[in-house]
Amino acid sequence: MGDDFLKHLMGLYSSQTFKDAFQAFFMKMQEDGLESAKKSWDVTLYKSAMKGGGTDLFEKMIDFYSDLGFVSKKKHEAVLKENEELKKENAFLKGIVQNMNLRVFEDGSKNIQETWKETIEKQMELSKDIAKNFFDLFKK
């Protein structure tokens, strides 16, 4: 970019007509897209004030803004909508995982409880057998 181009661009942007025309074009592009903004430019009053041109320069300025990281309102809203949908899906999946973990924990707890119960019952049977054998030994 040469100094002449920057001076020319700054001169254009200091013009209130240019600012208004660019803002109108940019807002239309954000709301409805580039093609719609171009179509509306053909019927706007700014076209005659800008001597019939403008859209090419506007597109280049918008590309410059996009390269800096600015995005159109339409794209931003689409990303926000997708983000909300992902949050809902994430919450749904978290709920499923929590339910699965709870079921696994419950099943594991039941198995441990049954195993403990069987172990205690076997221990009681062994204790009874030992006590019986012990008493049988003294009876003789």
Protein backbone atom coordinates (compact mmCIF):
# COMPACT_ATOMS: atom_id res chain seq x y z
CA MET A 1 0.00 0.00 0.00
CA GLY A 2 1.41 3.32 -1.02
CA ASP A 3 1.04 6.60 0.77
CA ASP A 4 -1.12 7.88 -2.09
CA PHE A 5 -3.58 5.02 -1.64
CA LEU A 6 -3.81 5.61 2.11
CA LYS A 7 -4.32 9.35 1.60
CA HIS A 8 -7.01 8.64 -0.99
CA LEU A 9 -8.71 6.13 1.32
CA MET A 10 -8.56 8.51 4.28
CA GLY A 11 -9.93 11.27 2.07
CA LEU A 12 -12.80 9.03 1.03
CA TYR A 13 -13.52 7.97 4.58
CA SER A 14 -13.53 11.59 5.79
CA SER A 15 -16.46 12.18 3.40
CA GLN A 16 -19.77 11.79 5.22
CA THR A 17 -21.43 10.53 2.03
CA PHE A 18 -18.85 7.80 1.67
CA LYS A 19 -19.19 6.82 5.35
CA ASP A 20 -22.96 6.63 5.08
CA ALA A 21 -22.82 4.68 1.81
CA PHE A 22 -20.26 2.21 3.17
CA GLN A 23 -22.17 1.74 6.41
CA ALA A 24 -25.44 1.13 4.53
CA PHE A 25 -23.74 -1.36 2.18
CA PHE A 26 -21.93 -3.08 5.04
CA MET A 27 -25.07 -3.42 7.17
CA LYS A 28 -27.03 -4.83 4.22
CA MET A 29 -24.19 -7.27 3.53
CA GLN A 30 -24.18 -8.37 7.17
CA GLU A 31 -27.92 -8.86 7.30
CA ASP A 32 -28.63 -10.41 3.91
CA GLY A 33 -25.32 -11.28 2.28
CA LEU A 34 -23.11 -9.78 -0.40
CA GLU A 35 -25.36 -10.46 -3.40
CA SER A 36 -28.32 -8.77 -1.72
CA ALA A 37 -26.15 -5.78 -0.81
CA LYS A 38 -25.01 -5.46 -4.44
CA LYS A 39 -28.62 -5.59 -5.67
CA SER A 40 -29.74 -2.96 -3.17
CA TRP A 41 -26.78 -0.77 -4.17
CA ASP A 42 -28.17 -0.53 -7.68
CA VAL A 43 -31.29 1.23 -6.38
CA THR A 44 -29.74 3.30 -3.61
CA LEU A 45 -29.37 7.06 -3.66
CA TYR A 46 -25.71 6.70 -2.67
CA LYS A 47 -24.87 5.20 -6.04
CA SER A 48 -25.46 8.49 -7.83
CA ALA A 49 -23.64 10.43 -5.10
CA MET A 50 -20.65 8.10 -5.47
CA LYS A 51 -20.73 8.50 -9.26
CA GLY A 52 -22.04 5.01 -9.92
CA GLY A 53 -19.23 3.01 -8.34
CA GLY A 54 -18.40 1.87 -4.90
CA THR A 55 -19.21 -1.80 -4.55
CA ASP A 56 -15.76 -3.02 -5.61
CA LEU A 57 -14.08 -0.73 -3.11
CA PHE A 58 -16.60 -1.71 -0.44
CA GLU A 59 -15.98 -5.40 -1.11
CA LYS A 60 -12.23 -4.87 -0.75
CA MET A 61 -12.75 -2.98 2.49
CA ILE A 62 -15.01 -5.74 3.78
CA ASP A 63 -12.39 -8.34 2.79
CA PHE A 64 -9.85 -6.27 4.72
CA TYR A 65 -12.12 -6.28 7.77
CA SER A 66 -12.66 -10.02 7.38
CA ASP A 67 -8.90 -10.59 7.21
CA LEU A 68 -8.61 -8.74 10.50
CA GLY A 69 -11.01 -11.22 12.03
CA PHE A 70 -14.29 -9.39 11.75
CA VAL A 71 -17.18 -11.54 10.57
CA SER A 72 -20.58 -10.67 9.24
CA LYS A 73 -23.54 -10.51 11.55
CA LYS A 74 -25.14 -13.40 9.69
CA LYS A 75 -22.11 -15.65 10.24
CA HIS A 76 -21.79 -14.54 13.85
CA GLU A 77 -25.45 -15.38 14.54
CA ALA A 78 -25.03 -18.76 12.80
CA VAL A 79 -22.03 -19.53 15.01
CA LEU A 80 -23.95 -18.44 18.11
CA LYS A 81 -26.88 -20.68 17.13
CA GLU A 82 -24.54 -23.61 16.52
CA ASN A 83 -22.86 -22.93 19.87
CA GLU A 84 -26.23 -23.04 21.65
CA GLU A 85 -27.12 -26.31 19.91
CA LEU A 86 -23.75 -27.77 20.91
CA LYS A 87 -24.34 -26.69 24.52
CA LYS A 88 -27.71 -28.49 24.49
CA GLU A 89 -26.19 -31.62 22.95
CA ASN A 90 -23.34 -31.48 25.45
CA ALA A 91 -25.77 -31.24 28.37
CA PHE A 92 -27.77 -34.16 26.92
CA LEU A 93 -24.64 -36.30 26.54
CA LYS A 94 -23.44 -35.38 30.04
CA GLY A 95 -26.80 -36.54 31.40
CA ILE A 96 -26.50 -39.84 29.54
CA VAL A 97 -22.96 -40.41 30.82
CA GLN A 98 -24.03 -39.58 34.38
CA ASN A 99 -26.94 -42.03 34.15
CA MET A 100 -24.64 -44.72 32.77
CA ASN A 101 -22.13 -44.10 35.57
CA LEU A 102 -24.92 -44.27 38.13
CA ARG A 103 -26.19 -47.56 36.71
CA VAL A 104 -22.68 -49.04 36.62
CA PHE A 105 -22.15 -47.91 40.22
CA GLU A 106 -25.49 -49.37 41.30
CA ASP A 107 -24.80 -52.68 39.52
CA GLY A 108 -21.30 -52.81 40.98
CA SER A 109 -22.64 -52.04 44.45
CA LYS A 110 -25.24 -54.80 44.15
CA ASN A 111 -22.60 -57.29 43.02
CA ILE A 112 -20.30 -56.30 45.87
CA GLN A 113 -23.18 -56.57 48.34
CA GLU A 114 -24.16 -60.03 47.04
CA THR A 115 -20.53 -61.18 47.13
CA TRP A 116 -20.15 -59.88 50.68
CA LYS A 117 -23.37 -61.60 51.72
CA GLU A 118 -22.24 -64.92 50.18
CA THR A 119 -18.85 -64.58 51.86
CA ILE A 120 -20.44 -63.96 55.25
CA GLU A 121 -22.80 -66.91 54.77
CA LYS A 122 -19.89 -69.21 53.86
CA GLN A 123 -17.93 -67.90 56.83
CA MET A 124 -20.91 -68.60 59.11
CA GLU A 125 -21.22 -72.14 57.71
CA LEU A 126 -17.51 -72.73 58.25
CA SER A 127 -17.74 -71.34 61.77
CA LYS A 128 -20.69 -73.62 62.50
CA ASP A 129 -18.79 -76.62 61.14
CA ILE A 130 -15.71 -75.73 63.20
CA ALA A 131 -17.83 -75.23 66.33
CA LYS A 132 -19.64 -78.52 65.70
CA ASN A 133 -16.35 -80.34 65.15
CA PHE A 134 -14.93 -78.73 68.27
CA PHE A 135 -17.92 -79.83 70.39
CA ASP A 136 -17.86 -83.30 68.81
CA LEU A 137 -14.20 -83.57 69.74
CA PHE A 138 -14.93 -82.82 73.41
CA LYS A 139 -17.98 -85.12 73.53
CA LYS A 140 -15.88 -88.10 72.72
